[in-house]
Amino acid sequence: MRKEYDFSKGARGKYAKKYDAGTNIVRLDPDVAKVFKTPQSVNHALRSLAEIICAQKKKA
């Protein structure tokens, strides 16, 4: 670690339980990130797409 890093106010294990529960991180390509500025907008778009996919599967 560099000398200028200050962890004196850090809390050990602050996110340990959340990490243990599992994470699902996805990295967006820059062109996609320009369109979807927030996690909520990404989730909304994916839910809409999932709904369309499910509807198409039911028709098939």
Protein backbone atom coordinates (compact mmCIF):
# COMPACT_ATOMS: atom_id res chain seq x y z
CA MET A 1 0.00 0.00 0.00
CA ARG A 2 1.10 3.52 -0.63
CA LYS A 3 1.91 5.81 2.29
CA GLU A 4 -0.80 8.31 1.25
CA TYR A 5 -3.60 5.75 1.63
CA ASP A 6 -5.46 6.37 4.88
CA PHE A 7 -7.50 3.47 6.21
CA SER A 8 -7.66 4.76 9.78
CA LYS A 9 -11.45 5.21 9.54
CA GLY A 10 -12.03 1.94 7.69
CA ALA A 11 -14.16 -0.86 9.10
CA ARG A 12 -12.91 -4.41 8.65
CA GLY A 13 -15.51 -6.75 7.20
CA LYS A 14 -18.09 -4.03 6.59
CA TYR A 15 -19.40 -5.71 3.42
CA ALA A 16 -18.45 -9.32 4.23
CA LYS A 17 -22.04 -10.57 4.73
CA LYS A 18 -23.20 -8.92 1.52
CA TYR A 19 -20.26 -10.42 -0.36
CA ASP A 20 -20.94 -13.88 1.07
CA ALA A 21 -24.55 -13.64 -0.11
CA GLY A 22 -23.21 -13.40 -3.64
CA THR A 23 -22.80 -10.70 -6.20
CA ASN A 24 -23.65 -10.51 -9.84
CA ILE A 25 -21.54 -7.75 -11.31
CA VAL A 26 -21.75 -7.06 -15.03
CA ARG A 27 -19.48 -4.66 -16.87
CA LEU A 28 -21.14 -2.74 -19.67
CA ASP A 29 -19.28 -1.81 -22.82
CA PRO A 30 -18.79 1.97 -23.13
CA ASP A 31 -21.33 2.37 -25.96
CA VAL A 32 -24.00 0.58 -23.91
CA ALA A 33 -23.14 2.55 -20.77
CA LYS A 34 -23.79 5.79 -22.68
CA VAL A 35 -27.40 4.70 -23.24
CA PHE A 36 -28.06 3.15 -19.83
CA LYS A 37 -26.80 5.64 -17.26
CA THR A 38 -28.17 3.99 -14.10
CA PRO A 39 -28.49 0.45 -12.75
CA GLN A 40 -32.25 0.96 -12.70
CA SER A 41 -32.35 1.70 -16.43
CA VAL A 42 -30.35 -1.44 -17.18
CA ASN A 43 -32.64 -3.56 -15.01
CA HIS A 44 -35.75 -2.07 -16.59
CA ALA A 45 -34.47 -2.82 -20.09
CA LEU A 46 -33.47 -6.37 -19.19
CA ARG A 47 -36.81 -7.07 -17.51
CA SER A 48 -38.61 -5.83 -20.60
CA LEU A 49 -36.45 -8.02 -22.81
CA ALA A 50 -36.99 -11.02 -20.52
CA GLU A 51 -40.75 -10.50 -20.73
CA ILE A 52 -40.58 -10.51 -24.55
CA ILE A 53 -38.42 -13.65 -24.56
CA CYS A 54 -40.81 -15.48 -22.23
CA ALA A 55 -43.80 -14.46 -24.36
CA GLN A 56 -42.06 -15.73 -27.51
CA LYS A 57 -41.23 -19.05 -25.86
CA LYS A 58 -44.88 -19.55 -24.87
CA LYS A 59 -45.98 -18.98 -28.49
CA ALA A 60 -43.46 -21.50 -29.82
